Amino acid sequence: MYRCQQCNTVVGPREKMIRIVVETRVKTYQVYRVSKQRGRDGAPERERVATATGTETARELKVCASCARELAAQQVA
């Protein structure tokens, strides 16, 4: 059981919850290469090799099936 965040009704058990992404944000990831040499503290040394840019989910709604159909129709139109 869960509460639909769109229509605010309680959905019964064994009903599928659908997550809809509402907002995303740009994320920059650092790519590191770990060397076999150890630093002074005994930890392996890391060297930054590249930077990658992608997106990640910032906000999502947990909705019931009927609300998911409505939101999908709004996004298409």
PDB file of N, CA and C in Angstrom:
ATOM      1  N   MET A   1       0.840  -1.179   0.000  1.00  0.00           N
ATOM      2  CA  MET A   1       0.000   0.000   0.000  1.00  0.00           C
ATOM      3  C   MET A   1       0.881   1.238   0.000  1.00  0.00           C
ATOM      4  N   TYR A   2       0.439   2.218  -0.729  1.00  0.00           N
ATOM      5  CA  TYR A   2       1.150   3.484  -0.783  1.00  0.00           C
ATOM      6  C   TYR A   2       0.159   4.588  -1.119  1.00  0.00           C
ATOM      7  N   ARG A   3       0.596   5.813  -0.964  1.00  0.00           N
ATOM      8  CA  ARG A   3      -0.253   6.962  -1.277  1.00  0.00           C
ATOM      9  C   ARG A   3       0.248   7.584  -2.579  1.00  0.00           C
ATOM     10  N   CYS A   4      -0.657   7.756  -3.516  1.00  0.00           N
ATOM     11  CA  CYS A   4      -0.328   8.382  -4.794  1.00  0.00           C
ATOM     12  C   CYS A   4      -0.011   9.856  -4.543  1.00  0.00           C
ATOM     13  N   GLN A   5       1.117  10.318  -5.062  1.00  0.00           N
ATOM     14  CA  GLN A   5       1.528  11.698  -4.827  1.00  0.00           C
ATOM     15  C   GLN A   5       0.843  12.674  -5.765  1.00  0.00           C
ATOM     16  N   GLN A   6       0.106  12.163  -6.748  1.00  0.00           N
ATOM     17  CA  GLN A   6      -0.606  13.048  -7.670  1.00  0.00           C
ATOM     18  C   GLN A   6      -2.040  13.294  -7.186  1.00  0.00           C
ATOM     19  N   CYS A   7      -2.789  12.204  -6.935  1.00  0.00           N
ATOM     20  CA  CYS A   7      -4.192  12.364  -6.533  1.00  0.00           C
ATOM     21  C   CYS A   7      -4.391  12.207  -5.026  1.00  0.00           C
ATOM     22  N   ASN A   8      -3.328  11.853  -4.299  1.00  0.00           N
ATOM     23  CA  ASN A   8      -3.331  11.773  -2.838  1.00  0.00           C
ATOM     24  C   ASN A   8      -4.293  10.721  -2.289  1.00  0.00           C
ATOM     25  N   THR A   9      -4.544   9.655  -3.041  1.00  0.00           N
ATOM     26  CA  THR A   9      -5.379   8.564  -2.552  1.00  0.00           C
ATOM     27  C   THR A   9      -4.511   7.384  -2.148  1.00  0.00           C
ATOM     28  N   VAL A  10      -4.999   6.586  -1.238  1.00  0.00           N
ATOM     29  CA  VAL A  10      -4.285   5.388  -0.816  1.00  0.00           C
ATOM     30  C   VAL A  10      -4.600   4.275  -1.803  1.00  0.00           C
ATOM     31  N   VAL A  11      -3.564   3.686  -2.344  1.00  0.00           N
ATOM     32  CA  VAL A  11      -3.706   2.611  -3.322  1.00  0.00           C
ATOM     33  C   VAL A  11      -3.593   1.296  -2.577  1.00  0.00           C
ATOM     34  N   GLY A  12      -4.437   0.348  -2.936  1.00  0.00           N
ATOM     35  CA  GLY A  12      -4.504  -0.933  -2.243  1.00  0.00           C
ATOM     36  C   GLY A  12      -3.269  -1.796  -2.424  1.00  0.00           C
ATOM     37  N   PRO A  13      -3.216  -2.894  -1.693  1.00  0.00           N
ATOM     38  CA  PRO A  13      -2.072  -3.796  -1.792  1.00  0.00           C
ATOM     39  C   PRO A  13      -2.029  -4.476  -3.161  1.00  0.00           C
ATOM     40  N   ARG A  14      -0.835  -4.880  -3.563  1.00  0.00           N
ATOM     41  CA  ARG A  14      -0.567  -5.560  -4.830  1.00  0.00           C
ATOM     42  C   ARG A  14      -0.881  -4.708  -6.051  1.00  0.00           C
ATOM     43  N   GLU A  15      -0.965  -3.395  -5.871  1.00  0.00           N
ATOM     44  CA  GLU A  15      -1.114  -2.469  -6.991  1.00  0.00           C
ATOM     45  C   GLU A  15       0.274  -1.934  -7.326  1.00  0.00           C
ATOM     46  N   LYS A  16       0.589  -1.883  -8.593  1.00  0.00           N
ATOM     47  CA  LYS A  16       1.912  -1.474  -9.012  1.00  0.00           C
ATOM     48  C   LYS A  16       2.112   0.032  -8.832  1.00  0.00           C
ATOM     49  N   MET A  17       3.237   0.395  -8.239  1.00  0.00           N
ATOM     50  CA  MET A  17       3.601   1.797  -8.076  1.00  0.00           C
ATOM     51  C   MET A  17       4.472   2.188  -9.266  1.00  0.00           C
ATOM     52  N   ILE A  18       4.175   3.305  -9.880  1.00  0.00           N
ATOM     53  CA  ILE A  18       4.915   3.774 -11.037  1.00  0.00           C
ATOM     54  C   ILE A  18       5.635   5.053 -10.649  1.00  0.00           C
ATOM     55  N   ARG A  19       6.920   5.107 -10.962  1.00  0.00           N
ATOM     56  CA  ARG A  19       7.715   6.297 -10.661  1.00  0.00           C
ATOM     57  C   ARG A  19       7.891   7.092 -11.941  1.00  0.00           C
ATOM     58  N   ILE A  20       7.544   8.371 -11.884  1.00  0.00           N
ATOM     59  CA  ILE A  20       7.667   9.244 -13.036  1.00  0.00           C
ATOM     60  C   ILE A  20       8.672  10.343 -12.701  1.00  0.00           C
ATOM     61  N   VAL A  21       9.680  10.485 -13.542  1.00  0.00           N
ATOM     62  CA  VAL A  21      10.711  11.499 -13.340  1.00  0.00           C
ATOM     63  C   VAL A  21      10.136  12.858 -13.714  1.00  0.00           C
ATOM     64  N   VAL A  22      10.177  13.777 -12.764  1.00  0.00           N
ATOM     65  CA  VAL A  22       9.620  15.112 -12.960  1.00  0.00           C
ATOM     66  C   VAL A  22      10.730  16.120 -13.241  1.00  0.00           C
ATOM     67  N   GLU A  23      11.875  15.934 -12.615  1.00  0.00           N
ATOM     68  CA  GLU A  23      12.953  16.912 -12.731  1.00  0.00           C
ATOM     69  C   GLU A  23      14.296  16.192 -12.757  1.00  0.00           C
ATOM     70  N   THR A  24      15.175  16.628 -13.631  1.00  0.00           N
ATOM     71  CA  THR A  24      16.534  16.085 -13.686  1.00  0.00           C
ATOM     72  C   THR A  24      17.521  17.230 -13.549  1.00  0.00           C
ATOM     73  N   ARG A  25      18.765  16.891 -13.260  1.00  0.00           N
ATOM     74  CA  ARG A  25      19.814  17.899 -13.168  1.00  0.00           C
ATOM     75  C   ARG A  25      21.092  17.356 -13.810  1.00  0.00           C
ATOM     76  N   VAL A  26      21.939  18.259 -14.223  1.00  0.00           N
ATOM     77  CA  VAL A  26      23.203  17.886 -14.845  1.00  0.00           C
ATOM     78  C   VAL A  26      24.195  17.527 -13.745  1.00  0.00           C
ATOM     79  N   LYS A  27      24.907  16.442 -13.943  1.00  0.00           N
ATOM     80  CA  LYS A  27      25.868  15.968 -12.948  1.00  0.00           C
ATOM     81  C   LYS A  27      27.211  15.746 -13.633  1.00  0.00           C
ATOM     82  N   THR A  28      28.277  16.197 -13.014  1.00  0.00           N
ATOM     83  CA  THR A  28      29.617  15.984 -13.528  1.00  0.00           C
ATOM     84  C   THR A  28      30.294  14.913 -12.690  1.00  0.00           C
ATOM     85  N   TYR A  29      30.762  13.872 -13.352  1.00  0.00           N
ATOM     86  CA  TYR A  29      31.405  12.757 -12.679  1.00  0.00           C
ATOM     87  C   TYR A  29      32.906  12.809 -12.942  1.00  0.00           C
ATOM     88  N   GLN A  30      33.683  12.535 -11.923  1.00  0.00           N
ATOM     89  CA  GLN A  30      35.131  12.474 -12.055  1.00  0.00           C
ATOM     90  C   GLN A  30      35.532  11.015 -12.241  1.00  0.00           C
ATOM     91  N   VAL A  31      36.381  10.746 -13.220  1.00  0.00           N
ATOM     92  CA  VAL A  31      36.859   9.391 -13.476  1.00  0.00           C
ATOM     93  C   VAL A  31      38.296   9.326 -12.984  1.00  0.00           C
ATOM     94  N   TYR A  32      38.573   8.372 -12.107  1.00  0.00           N
ATOM     95  CA  TYR A  32      39.895   8.244 -11.506  1.00  0.00           C
ATOM     96  C   TYR A  32      40.544   6.940 -11.934  1.00  0.00           C
ATOM     97  N   ARG A  33      41.870   6.957 -11.968  1.00  0.00           N
ATOM     98  CA  ARG A  33      42.638   5.737 -12.179  1.00  0.00           C
ATOM     99  C   ARG A  33      43.425   5.493 -10.896  1.00  0.00           C
ATOM    100  N   VAL A  34      43.342   4.294 -10.381  1.00  0.00           N
ATOM    101  CA  VAL A  34      44.023   3.958  -9.137  1.00  0.00           C
ATOM    102  C   VAL A  34      45.357   3.299  -9.493  1.00  0.00           C
ATOM    103  N   SER A  35      46.432   3.855  -8.977  1.00  0.00           N
ATOM    104  CA  SER A  35      47.754   3.297  -9.258  1.00  0.00           C
ATOM    105  C   SER A  35      48.078   2.204  -8.240  1.00  0.00           C
ATOM    106  N   LYS A  36      49.060   1.400  -8.581  1.00  0.00           N
ATOM    107  CA  LYS A  36      49.463   0.319  -7.682  1.00  0.00           C
ATOM    108  C   LYS A  36      50.353   0.836  -6.555  1.00  0.00           C
ATOM    109  N   GLN A  37      50.898   2.029  -6.721  1.00  0.00           N
ATOM    110  CA  GLN A  37      51.746   2.606  -5.687  1.00  0.00           C
ATOM    111  C   GLN A  37      50.899   3.089  -4.524  1.00  0.00           C
ATOM    112  N   ARG A  38      51.453   2.996  -3.369  1.00  0.00           N
ATOM    113  CA  ARG A  38      50.755   3.442  -2.162  1.00  0.00           C
ATOM    114  C   ARG A  38      51.318   4.774  -1.714  1.00  0.00           C
ATOM    115  N   GLY A  39      50.456   5.611  -1.160  1.00  0.00           N
ATOM    116  CA  GLY A  39      50.875   6.905  -0.641  1.00  0.00           C
ATOM    117  C   GLY A  39      51.486   6.762   0.736  1.00  0.00           C
ATOM    118  N   ARG A  40      51.754   7.887   1.379  1.00  0.00           N
ATOM    119  CA  ARG A  40      52.348   7.860   2.717  1.00  0.00           C
ATOM    120  C   ARG A  40      51.435   7.224   3.748  1.00  0.00           C
ATOM    121  N   ASP A  41      50.122   7.400   3.570  1.00  0.00           N
ATOM    122  CA  ASP A  41      49.193   6.833   4.545  1.00  0.00           C
ATOM    123  C   ASP A  41      48.816   5.389   4.231  1.00  0.00           C
ATOM    124  N   GLY A  42      49.364   4.806   3.182  1.00  0.00           N
ATOM    125  CA  GLY A  42      49.097   3.414   2.852  1.00  0.00           C
ATOM    126  C   GLY A  42      47.945   3.212   1.892  1.00  0.00           C
ATOM    127  N   ALA A  43      47.240   4.275   1.572  1.00  0.00           N
ATOM    128  CA  ALA A  43      46.118   4.174   0.637  1.00  0.00           C
ATOM    129  C   ALA A  43      46.649   4.276  -0.788  1.00  0.00           C
ATOM    130  N   PRO A  44      46.006   3.587  -1.724  1.00  0.00           N
ATOM    131  CA  PRO A  44      46.464   3.698  -3.112  1.00  0.00           C
ATOM    132  C   PRO A  44      46.262   5.113  -3.650  1.00  0.00           C
ATOM    133  N   GLU A  45      47.197   5.565  -4.451  1.00  0.00           N
ATOM    134  CA  GLU A  45      47.110   6.905  -5.009  1.00  0.00           C
ATOM    135  C   GLU A  45      46.119   6.914  -6.162  1.00  0.00           C
ATOM    136  N   ARG A  46      45.343   7.996  -6.250  1.00  0.00           N
ATOM    137  CA  ARG A  46      44.359   8.127  -7.326  1.00  0.00           C
ATOM    138  C   ARG A  46      44.745   9.303  -8.211  1.00  0.00           C
ATOM    139  N   GLU A  47      44.568   9.121  -9.485  1.00  0.00           N
ATOM    140  CA  GLU A  47      44.866  10.173 -10.446  1.00  0.00           C
ATOM    141  C   GLU A  47      43.613  10.436 -11.270  1.00  0.00           C
ATOM    142  N   ARG A  48      43.202  11.692 -11.356  1.00  0.00           N
ATOM    143  CA  ARG A  48      42.009  12.020 -12.132  1.00  0.00           C
ATOM    144  C   ARG A  48      42.357  11.947 -13.614  1.00  0.00           C
ATOM    145  N   VAL A  49      41.609  11.134 -14.334  1.00  0.00           N
ATOM    146  CA  VAL A  49      41.887  10.902 -15.736  1.00  0.00           C
ATOM    147  C   VAL A  49      40.984  11.745 -16.616  1.00  0.00           C
ATOM    148  N   ALA A  50      39.695  11.744 -16.341  1.00  0.00           N
ATOM    149  CA  ALA A  50      38.752  12.436 -17.213  1.00  0.00           C
ATOM    150  C   ALA A  50      37.561  12.924 -16.402  1.00  0.00           C
ATOM    151  N   THR A  51      36.755  13.717 -17.062  1.00  0.00           N
ATOM    152  CA  THR A  51      35.508  14.188 -16.483  1.00  0.00           C
ATOM    153  C   THR A  51      34.389  13.814 -17.430  1.00  0.00           C
ATOM    154  N   ALA A  52      33.313  13.271 -16.901  1.00  0.00           N
ATOM    155  CA  ALA A  52      32.151  12.898 -17.705  1.00  0.00           C
ATOM    156  C   ALA A  52      30.945  13.680 -17.207  1.00  0.00           C
ATOM    157  N   THR A  53      30.063  14.012 -18.113  1.00  0.00           N
ATOM    158  CA  THR A  53      28.859  14.756 -17.775  1.00  0.00           C
ATOM    159  C   THR A  53      27.641  13.919 -18.119  1.00  0.00           C
ATOM    160  N   GLY A  54      26.681  13.884 -17.222  1.00  0.00           N
ATOM    161  CA  GLY A  54      25.452  13.135 -17.442  1.00  0.00           C
ATOM    162  C   GLY A  54      24.308  13.800 -16.702  1.00  0.00           C
ATOM    163  N   THR A  55      23.194  13.085 -16.617  1.00  0.00           N
ATOM    164  CA  THR A  55      22.043  13.597 -15.877  1.00  0.00           C
ATOM    165  C   THR A  55      21.672  12.618 -14.786  1.00  0.00           C
ATOM    166  N   GLU A  56      21.082  13.143 -13.741  1.00  0.00           N
ATOM    167  CA  GLU A  56      20.574  12.304 -12.666  1.00  0.00           C
ATOM    168  C   GLU A  56      19.196  12.804 -12.263  1.00  0.00           C
ATOM    169  N   THR A  57      18.425  11.927 -11.650  1.00  0.00           N
ATOM    170  CA  THR A  57      17.073  12.261 -11.237  1.00  0.00           C
ATOM    171  C   THR A  57      17.120  13.171 -10.019  1.00  0.00           C
ATOM    172  N   ALA A  58      16.452  14.301 -10.118  1.00  0.00           N
ATOM    173  CA  ALA A  58      16.397  15.234  -9.001  1.00  0.00           C
ATOM    174  C   ALA A  58      15.095  15.059  -8.218  1.00  0.00           C
ATOM    175  N   ARG A  59      13.993  14.769  -8.946  1.00  0.00           N
ATOM    176  CA  ARG A  59      12.708  14.602  -8.280  1.00  0.00           C
ATOM    177  C   ARG A  59      11.851  13.643  -9.096  1.00  0.00           C
ATOM    178  N   GLU A  60      11.150  12.759  -8.404  1.00  0.00           N
ATOM    179  CA  GLU A  60      10.251  11.836  -9.065  1.00  0.00           C
ATOM    180  C   GLU A  60       8.972  11.695  -8.255  1.00  0.00           C
ATOM    181  N   LEU A  61       7.889  11.354  -8.933  1.00  0.00           N
ATOM    182  CA  LEU A  61       6.600  11.149  -8.285  1.00  0.00           C
ATOM    183  C   LEU A  61       6.264   9.671  -8.263  1.00  0.00           C
ATOM    184  N   LYS A  62       5.703   9.214  -7.152  1.00  0.00           N
ATOM    185  CA  LYS A  62       5.211   7.841  -7.034  1.00  0.00           C
ATOM    186  C   LYS A  62       3.708   7.903  -7.232  1.00  0.00           C
ATOM    187  N   VAL A  63       3.239   7.385  -8.379  1.00  0.00           N
ATOM    188  CA  VAL A  63       1.841   7.544  -8.742  1.00  0.00           C
ATOM    189  C   VAL A  63       1.193   6.204  -9.039  1.00  0.00           C
ATOM    190  N   CYS A  64      -0.138   6.209  -9.030  1.00  0.00           N
ATOM    191  CA  CYS A  64      -0.916   5.017  -9.384  1.00  0.00           C
ATOM    192  C   CYS A  64      -1.021   4.924 -10.905  1.00  0.00           C
ATOM    193  N   ALA A  65      -1.588   3.835 -11.403  1.00  0.00           N
ATOM    194  CA  ALA A  65      -1.650   3.591 -12.842  1.00  0.00           C
ATOM    195  C   ALA A  65      -2.512   4.627 -13.567  1.00  0.00           C
ATOM    196  N   SER A  66      -3.639   5.011 -12.969  1.00  0.00           N
ATOM    197  CA  SER A  66      -4.517   5.966 -13.645  1.00  0.00           C
ATOM    198  C   SER A  66      -3.851   7.341 -13.753  1.00  0.00           C
ATOM    199  N   CYS A  67      -3.166   7.771 -12.712  1.00  0.00           N
ATOM    200  CA  CYS A  67      -2.472   9.061 -12.764  1.00  0.00           C
ATOM    201  C   CYS A  67      -1.284   9.002 -13.729  1.00  0.00           C
ATOM    202  N   ALA A  68      -0.656   7.844 -13.829  1.00  0.00           N
ATOM    203  CA  ALA A  68       0.465   7.699 -14.755  1.00  0.00           C
ATOM    204  C   ALA A  68      -0.014   7.854 -16.192  1.00  0.00           C
ATOM    205  N   ARG A  69      -1.190   7.310 -16.503  1.00  0.00           N
ATOM    206  CA  ARG A  69      -1.744   7.474 -17.846  1.00  0.00           C
ATOM    207  C   ARG A  69      -2.046   8.937 -18.141  1.00  0.00           C
ATOM    208  N   GLU A  70      -2.593   9.636 -17.167  1.00  0.00           N
ATOM    209  CA  GLU A  70      -2.901  11.063 -17.347  1.00  0.00           C
ATOM    210  C   GLU A  70      -1.630  11.886 -17.559  1.00  0.00           C
ATOM    211  N   LEU A  71      -0.592  11.613 -16.756  1.00  0.00           N
ATOM    212  CA  LEU A  71       0.660  12.358 -16.884  1.00  0.00           C
ATOM    213  C   LEU A  71       1.352  12.051 -18.214  1.00  0.00           C
ATOM    214  N   ALA A  72       1.266  10.812 -18.669  1.00  0.00           N
ATOM    215  CA  ALA A  72       1.856  10.457 -19.953  1.00  0.00           C
ATOM    216  C   ALA A  72       1.137  11.156 -21.087  1.00  0.00           C
ATOM    217  N   ALA A  73      -0.186  11.278 -20.993  1.00  0.00           N
ATOM    218  CA  ALA A  73      -0.958  11.974 -22.033  1.00  0.00           C
ATOM    219  C   ALA A  73      -0.616  13.463 -22.041  1.00  0.00           C
ATOM    220  N   GLN A  74      -0.356  14.055 -20.890  1.00  0.00           N
ATOM    221  CA  GLN A  74       0.011  15.465 -20.808  1.00  0.00           C
ATOM    222  C   GLN A  74       1.386  15.717 -21.409  1.00  0.00           C
ATOM    223  N   GLN A  75       2.313  14.778 -21.207  1.00  0.00           N
ATOM    224  CA  GLN A  75       3.670  14.944 -21.726  1.00  0.00           C
ATOM    225  C   GLN A  75       3.700  14.813 -23.246  1.00  0.00           C
ATOM    226  N   VAL A  76       2.831  13.970 -23.811  1.00  0.00           N
ATOM    227  CA  VAL A  76       2.799  13.790 -25.256  1.00  0.00           C
ATOM    228  C   VAL A  76       2.187  15.005 -25.927  1.00  0.00           C
ATOM    229  N   ALA A  77       1.155  15.546 -25.328  1.00  0.00           N
ATOM    230  CA  ALA A  77       0.457  16.682 -25.937  1.00  0.00           C
ATOM    231  C   ALA A  77       1.214  17.973 -25.836  1.00  0.00           C
TER     232      ALA A  77
END
